[in-house]
Amino acid sequence: MASEKLIQFLQSTGRIAPQQAREIAGSFASLRVGKNDFFLRAGKISDEYFFLDTGFMRAFAHNPAGDEVTTAFYGGGQVVFEVSSFFNRIPSQENMQALTDCTGWFITFQELNGLFHSREEFREFGRSLLVKGYAGLKSRMLAMITESATERYERLLKENPEVVQHAPLKSIASYLGITDSSLSRIRAGSKNSALK
């Protein structure tokens, strides 16, 4: 039986009623991903839409020099999938890896499409999530241009405080677009001394 967190997530946009959410949640299957295991490897097609119930994950790609650059962090209550690969059915450029033991619920691309075609409320839910995701991506892109490294760090702590507990500093630095030493200086001067 699907978790209450998944059912609440399905109701989060206000498009799906409680009973409908329970019915839709019944289409999801449970999944565990062990610490350091890959949920998705670059070169594979993202085929699973994964609601993360517990745990913490990151997405990363390699730059031309071969260095890992973190592109996203995911905590409980978020959906993990590589949107471009998933919807365009093309190999992913990103890897997605568990930083802790993770549990959650997934549905395949084919099953998700079946729900989109058969349930109008799920279609509306999906549209709302895609708009929210696009807005978040745009906001992150603009922050890389308009905010200082310190401001980006403070924003990350505010929006995703779990990150300092679970992600290596190197991954946080690459996500922020700065060097490890710059991040160390920022952390030393952070207003949030509890996270130093």
C-alpha atoms as a PDB file:
ATOM      1  CA  MET A   1       0.000   0.000   0.000  1.00  0.00           C
ATOM      2  CA  ALA A   2       1.353   3.424  -0.995  1.00  0.00           C
ATOM      3  CA  SER A   3       2.554   5.818   1.679  1.00  0.00           C
ATOM      4  CA  GLU A   4       0.566   8.735   3.040  1.00  0.00           C
ATOM      5  CA  LYS A   5       3.368  11.034   1.814  1.00  0.00           C
ATOM      6  CA  LEU A   6       2.741   9.936  -1.784  1.00  0.00           C
ATOM      7  CA  ILE A   7      -1.010  10.435  -1.383  1.00  0.00           C
ATOM      8  CA  GLN A   8      -0.446  13.922   0.088  1.00  0.00           C
ATOM      9  CA  PHE A   9       1.962  14.735  -2.755  1.00  0.00           C
ATOM     10  CA  LEU A  10      -0.674  13.764  -5.337  1.00  0.00           C
ATOM     11  CA  GLN A  11      -3.103  16.156  -3.627  1.00  0.00           C
ATOM     12  CA  SER A  12      -0.532  18.976  -3.318  1.00  0.00           C
ATOM     13  CA  THR A  13      -1.603  20.911  -6.421  1.00  0.00           C
ATOM     14  CA  GLY A  14      -5.286  20.877  -5.479  1.00  0.00           C
ATOM     15  CA  ARG A  15      -6.172  19.035  -8.717  1.00  0.00           C
ATOM     16  CA  ILE A  16      -6.698  15.570  -7.233  1.00  0.00           C
ATOM     17  CA  ALA A  17      -9.287  14.654  -4.601  1.00  0.00           C
ATOM     18  CA  PRO A  18      -8.351  12.320  -1.696  1.00  0.00           C
ATOM     19  CA  GLN A  19     -10.078   9.230  -3.122  1.00  0.00           C
ATOM     20  CA  GLN A  20      -8.604   9.845  -6.577  1.00  0.00           C
ATOM     21  CA  ALA A  21      -5.147  10.240  -4.990  1.00  0.00           C
ATOM     22  CA  ARG A  22      -5.469   6.852  -3.277  1.00  0.00           C
ATOM     23  CA  GLU A  23      -6.519   5.198  -6.544  1.00  0.00           C
ATOM     24  CA  ILE A  24      -3.625   6.765  -8.478  1.00  0.00           C
ATOM     25  CA  ALA A  25      -1.132   5.925  -5.717  1.00  0.00           C
ATOM     26  CA  GLY A  26      -2.160   2.283  -6.154  1.00  0.00           C
ATOM     27  CA  SER A  27      -0.471   2.367  -9.594  1.00  0.00           C
ATOM     28  CA  PHE A  28       2.930   3.036  -8.001  1.00  0.00           C
ATOM     29  CA  ALA A  29       5.274   0.249  -6.861  1.00  0.00           C
ATOM     30  CA  SER A  30       7.727   0.444  -3.968  1.00  0.00           C
ATOM     31  CA  LEU A  31      11.437   0.858  -4.611  1.00  0.00           C
ATOM     32  CA  ARG A  32      14.558   0.924  -2.437  1.00  0.00           C
ATOM     33  CA  VAL A  33      17.867   2.414  -3.568  1.00  0.00           C
ATOM     34  CA  GLY A  34      20.867   1.699  -1.353  1.00  0.00           C
ATOM     35  CA  LYS A  35      23.378   4.343  -0.301  1.00  0.00           C
ATOM     36  CA  ASN A  36      25.802   5.155  -3.161  1.00  0.00           C
ATOM     37  CA  ASP A  37      23.740   3.091  -5.635  1.00  0.00           C
ATOM     38  CA  PHE A  38      22.673   4.697  -8.906  1.00  0.00           C
ATOM     39  CA  PHE A  39      19.014   5.304  -9.636  1.00  0.00           C
ATOM     40  CA  LEU A  40      19.991   6.374 -13.177  1.00  0.00           C
ATOM     41  CA  ARG A  41      23.266   6.267 -15.076  1.00  0.00           C
ATOM     42  CA  ALA A  42      24.218   8.614 -17.913  1.00  0.00           C
ATOM     43  CA  GLY A  43      23.638   6.964 -21.284  1.00  0.00           C
ATOM     44  CA  LYS A  44      20.471   5.167 -20.124  1.00  0.00           C
ATOM     45  CA  ILE A  45      16.917   6.339 -20.771  1.00  0.00           C
ATOM     46  CA  SER A  46      15.137   7.570 -17.650  1.00  0.00           C
ATOM     47  CA  ASP A  47      12.102   5.281 -17.441  1.00  0.00           C
ATOM     48  CA  GLU A  48      10.984   5.613 -13.814  1.00  0.00           C
ATOM     49  CA  TYR A  49       9.131   8.520 -12.232  1.00  0.00           C
ATOM     50  CA  PHE A  50      10.240   8.072  -8.622  1.00  0.00           C
ATOM     51  CA  PHE A  51       8.576   9.690  -5.616  1.00  0.00           C
ATOM     52  CA  LEU A  52      11.246   9.797  -2.895  1.00  0.00           C
ATOM     53  CA  ASP A  53       9.635   8.923   0.430  1.00  0.00           C
ATOM     54  CA  THR A  54      12.764   8.847   2.607  1.00  0.00           C
ATOM     55  CA  GLY A  55      16.433   9.509   1.902  1.00  0.00           C
ATOM     56  CA  PHE A  56      18.550  11.939  -0.091  1.00  0.00           C
ATOM     57  CA  MET A  57      19.822  11.837  -3.696  1.00  0.00           C
ATOM     58  CA  ARG A  58      21.804  13.968  -6.074  1.00  0.00           C
ATOM     59  CA  ALA A  59      22.022  14.339  -9.838  1.00  0.00           C
ATOM     60  CA  PHE A  60      25.302  15.096 -11.575  1.00  0.00           C
ATOM     61  CA  ALA A  61      26.926  15.271 -14.994  1.00  0.00           C
ATOM     62  CA  HIS A  62      30.539  15.376 -16.120  1.00  0.00           C
ATOM     63  CA  ASN A  63      32.081  18.506 -17.621  1.00  0.00           C
ATOM     64  CA  PRO A  64      34.557  18.322 -20.566  1.00  0.00           C
ATOM     65  CA  ALA A  65      37.439  17.920 -18.095  1.00  0.00           C
ATOM     66  CA  GLY A  66      35.737  14.852 -16.602  1.00  0.00           C
ATOM     67  CA  ASP A  67      34.844  16.510 -13.281  1.00  0.00           C
ATOM     68  CA  GLU A  68      31.504  15.791 -11.620  1.00  0.00           C
ATOM     69  CA  VAL A  69      29.153  18.781 -11.506  1.00  0.00           C
ATOM     70  CA  THR A  70      26.117  18.406  -9.259  1.00  0.00           C
ATOM     71  CA  THR A  71      22.935  19.562 -10.981  1.00  0.00           C
ATOM     72  CA  ALA A  72      20.291  18.836  -8.317  1.00  0.00           C
ATOM     73  CA  PHE A  73      19.618  17.531  -4.820  1.00  0.00           C
ATOM     74  CA  TYR A  74      16.472  15.584  -3.865  1.00  0.00           C
ATOM     75  CA  GLY A  75      15.029  14.988  -0.410  1.00  0.00           C
ATOM     76  CA  GLY A  76      11.941  13.196   0.875  1.00  0.00           C
ATOM     77  CA  GLY A  77       8.704  14.380  -0.703  1.00  0.00           C
ATOM     78  CA  GLN A  78      10.291  15.175  -4.077  1.00  0.00           C
ATOM     79  CA  VAL A  79      10.145  13.444  -7.444  1.00  0.00           C
ATOM     80  CA  VAL A  80      13.348  12.081  -8.981  1.00  0.00           C
ATOM     81  CA  PHE A  81      13.602  11.583 -12.751  1.00  0.00           C
ATOM     82  CA  GLU A  82      15.533  13.138 -15.630  1.00  0.00           C
ATOM     83  CA  VAL A  83      12.805  15.098 -17.354  1.00  0.00           C
ATOM     84  CA  SER A  84      14.395  15.471 -20.807  1.00  0.00           C
ATOM     85  CA  SER A  85      15.357  11.800 -21.075  1.00  0.00           C
ATOM     86  CA  PHE A  86      12.039  10.632 -19.598  1.00  0.00           C
ATOM     87  CA  PHE A  87       9.725  12.552 -21.910  1.00  0.00           C
ATOM     88  CA  ASN A  88      11.881  12.620 -25.060  1.00  0.00           C
ATOM     89  CA  ARG A  89      12.966   8.969 -24.680  1.00  0.00           C
ATOM     90  CA  ILE A  90      16.635   9.842 -25.204  1.00  0.00           C
ATOM     91  CA  PRO A  91      19.718   8.765 -23.217  1.00  0.00           C
ATOM     92  CA  SER A  92      20.297  10.825 -20.098  1.00  0.00           C
ATOM     93  CA  GLN A  93      23.337  13.068 -19.750  1.00  0.00           C
ATOM     94  CA  GLU A  94      22.922  12.979 -15.988  1.00  0.00           C
ATOM     95  CA  ASN A  95      23.558  10.385 -13.301  1.00  0.00           C
ATOM     96  CA  MET A  96      21.278  10.119 -10.265  1.00  0.00           C
ATOM     97  CA  GLN A  97      22.783   8.595  -7.137  1.00  0.00           C
ATOM     98  CA  ALA A  98      21.569   7.898  -3.599  1.00  0.00           C
ATOM     99  CA  LEU A  99      23.591   9.714  -0.929  1.00  0.00           C
ATOM    100  CA  THR A 100      21.732   7.770   1.789  1.00  0.00           C
ATOM    101  CA  ASP A 101      19.536   4.676   1.795  1.00  0.00           C
ATOM    102  CA  CYS A 102      16.361   5.717  -0.053  1.00  0.00           C
ATOM    103  CA  THR A 103      12.822   4.385  -0.211  1.00  0.00           C
ATOM    104  CA  GLY A 104       9.979   5.490  -2.398  1.00  0.00           C
ATOM    105  CA  TRP A 105       7.375   4.735  -5.029  1.00  0.00           C
ATOM    106  CA  PHE A 106       7.741   4.640  -8.792  1.00  0.00           C
ATOM    107  CA  ILE A 107       5.744   4.390 -11.966  1.00  0.00           C
ATOM    108  CA  THR A 108       7.141   3.717 -15.439  1.00  0.00           C
ATOM    109  CA  PHE A 109       6.899   6.034 -18.427  1.00  0.00           C
ATOM    110  CA  GLN A 110       4.321   3.751 -20.046  1.00  0.00           C
ATOM    111  CA  GLU A 111       2.219   3.546 -16.873  1.00  0.00           C
ATOM    112  CA  LEU A 112       2.418   7.301 -16.332  1.00  0.00           C
ATOM    113  CA  ASN A 113       1.236   7.917 -19.894  1.00  0.00           C
ATOM    114  CA  GLY A 114      -1.647   5.543 -19.282  1.00  0.00           C
ATOM    115  CA  LEU A 115      -2.718   7.641 -16.297  1.00  0.00           C
ATOM    116  CA  PHE A 116      -2.326  10.872 -18.282  1.00  0.00           C
ATOM    117  CA  HIS A 117      -4.667   9.535 -20.977  1.00  0.00           C
ATOM    118  CA  SER A 118      -7.223   7.966 -18.654  1.00  0.00           C
ATOM    119  CA  ARG A 119      -7.407  10.491 -15.797  1.00  0.00           C
ATOM    120  CA  GLU A 120      -7.918  14.178 -16.498  1.00  0.00           C
ATOM    121  CA  GLU A 121      -7.136  15.102 -12.891  1.00  0.00           C
ATOM    122  CA  PHE A 122      -3.713  13.423 -13.176  1.00  0.00           C
ATOM    123  CA  ARG A 123      -3.033  15.310 -16.431  1.00  0.00           C
ATOM    124  CA  GLU A 124      -3.757  18.598 -14.662  1.00  0.00           C
ATOM    125  CA  PHE A 125      -1.568  17.554 -11.731  1.00  0.00           C
ATOM    126  CA  GLY A 126       1.274  16.762 -14.164  1.00  0.00           C
ATOM    127  CA  ARG A 127       0.928  20.110 -15.915  1.00  0.00           C
ATOM    128  CA  SER A 128       1.070  21.951 -12.585  1.00  0.00           C
ATOM    129  CA  LEU A 129       4.230  20.098 -11.580  1.00  0.00           C
ATOM    130  CA  LEU A 130       5.951  20.768 -14.915  1.00  0.00           C
ATOM    131  CA  VAL A 131       5.187  24.482 -14.672  1.00  0.00           C
ATOM    132  CA  LYS A 132       6.518  24.557 -11.110  1.00  0.00           C
ATOM    133  CA  GLY A 133       9.633  22.647 -12.170  1.00  0.00           C
ATOM    134  CA  TYR A 134      10.279  24.968 -15.103  1.00  0.00           C
ATOM    135  CA  ALA A 135       9.871  28.028 -12.874  1.00  0.00           C
ATOM    136  CA  GLY A 136      12.330  26.528 -10.379  1.00  0.00           C
ATOM    137  CA  LEU A 137      14.871  25.832 -13.123  1.00  0.00           C
ATOM    138  CA  LYS A 138      14.534  29.386 -14.450  1.00  0.00           C
ATOM    139  CA  SER A 139      14.963  30.773 -10.943  1.00  0.00           C
ATOM    140  CA  ARG A 140      18.144  28.715 -10.423  1.00  0.00           C
ATOM    141  CA  MET A 141      19.555  29.844 -13.780  1.00  0.00           C
ATOM    142  CA  LEU A 142      18.925  33.504 -12.947  1.00  0.00           C
ATOM    143  CA  ALA A 143      20.402  33.075  -9.451  1.00  0.00           C
ATOM    144  CA  MET A 144      23.668  31.881 -11.035  1.00  0.00           C
ATOM    145  CA  ILE A 145      23.784  35.226 -12.879  1.00  0.00           C
ATOM    146  CA  THR A 146      22.285  37.706 -10.409  1.00  0.00           C
ATOM    147  CA  GLU A 147      23.265  36.386  -6.945  1.00  0.00           C
ATOM    148  CA  SER A 148      26.624  36.195  -5.236  1.00  0.00           C
ATOM    149  CA  ALA A 149      28.014  32.804  -4.231  1.00  0.00           C
ATOM    150  CA  THR A 150      27.151  33.600  -0.601  1.00  0.00           C
ATOM    151  CA  GLU A 151      23.552  34.421  -1.528  1.00  0.00           C
ATOM    152  CA  ARG A 152      23.256  31.185  -3.504  1.00  0.00           C
ATOM    153  CA  TYR A 153      24.616  29.225  -0.544  1.00  0.00           C
ATOM    154  CA  GLU A 154      22.193  30.881   1.896  1.00  0.00           C
ATOM    155  CA  ARG A 155      19.299  30.189  -0.496  1.00  0.00           C
ATOM    156  CA  LEU A 156      20.292  26.513  -0.769  1.00  0.00           C
ATOM    157  CA  LEU A 157      20.353  26.169   3.032  1.00  0.00           C
ATOM    158  CA  LYS A 158      16.943  27.805   3.304  1.00  0.00           C
ATOM    159  CA  GLU A 159      15.313  25.730   0.549  1.00  0.00           C
ATOM    160  CA  ASN A 160      17.098  22.438   1.227  1.00  0.00           C
ATOM    161  CA  PRO A 161      18.654  22.390   4.735  1.00  0.00           C
ATOM    162  CA  GLU A 162      19.245  18.619   4.584  1.00  0.00           C
ATOM    163  CA  VAL A 163      21.956  19.180   2.019  1.00  0.00           C
ATOM    164  CA  VAL A 164      24.675  19.912   4.602  1.00  0.00           C
ATOM    165  CA  GLN A 165      23.886  16.692   6.480  1.00  0.00           C
ATOM    166  CA  HIS A 166      24.012  14.380   3.476  1.00  0.00           C
ATOM    167  CA  ALA A 167      25.989  15.894   0.583  1.00  0.00           C
ATOM    168  CA  PRO A 168      29.788  16.126   0.407  1.00  0.00           C
ATOM    169  CA  LEU A 169      31.105  19.709   0.334  1.00  0.00           C
ATOM    170  CA  LYS A 170      32.589  19.057  -3.118  1.00  0.00           C
ATOM    171  CA  SER A 171      29.091  18.270  -4.454  1.00  0.00           C
ATOM    172  CA  ILE A 172      27.620  21.389  -2.826  1.00  0.00           C
ATOM    173  CA  ALA A 173      30.410  23.570  -4.248  1.00  0.00           C
ATOM    174  CA  SER A 174      29.934  22.241  -7.787  1.00  0.00           C
ATOM    175  CA  TYR A 175      26.163  22.777  -7.501  1.00  0.00           C
ATOM    176  CA  LEU A 176      26.782  26.403  -6.520  1.00  0.00           C
ATOM    177  CA  GLY A 177      29.321  26.872  -9.317  1.00  0.00           C
ATOM    178  CA  ILE A 178      32.221  27.633  -6.973  1.00  0.00           C
ATOM    179  CA  THR A 179      35.441  25.982  -5.771  1.00  0.00           C
ATOM    180  CA  ASP A 180      35.702  23.923  -2.598  1.00  0.00           C
ATOM    181  CA  SER A 181      37.927  26.581  -0.999  1.00  0.00           C
ATOM    182  CA  SER A 182      35.409  29.344  -1.828  1.00  0.00           C
ATOM    183  CA  LEU A 183      32.666  27.298  -0.186  1.00  0.00           C
ATOM    184  CA  SER A 184      34.818  26.811   2.920  1.00  0.00           C
ATOM    185  CA  ARG A 185      35.289  30.594   3.194  1.00  0.00           C
ATOM    186  CA  ILE A 186      31.560  31.199   2.705  1.00  0.00           C
ATOM    187  CA  ARG A 187      30.660  28.625   5.360  1.00  0.00           C
ATOM    188  CA  ALA A 188      33.127  30.171   7.810  1.00  0.00           C
ATOM    189  CA  GLY A 189      31.378  33.550   7.431  1.00  0.00           C
ATOM    190  CA  SER A 190      27.814  32.192   7.179  1.00  0.00           C
ATOM    191  CA  LYS A 191      25.109  33.863   9.235  1.00  0.00           C
ATOM    192  CA  ASN A 192      23.820  30.407  10.063  1.00  0.00           C
ATOM    193  CA  SER A 193      26.581  29.380  12.465  1.00  0.00           C
ATOM    194  CA  ALA A 194      24.771  26.134  13.355  1.00  0.00           C
ATOM    195  CA  LEU A 195      25.648  24.803   9.920  1.00  0.00           C
ATOM    196  CA  LYS A 196      29.387  25.541  10.068  1.00  0.00           C
END
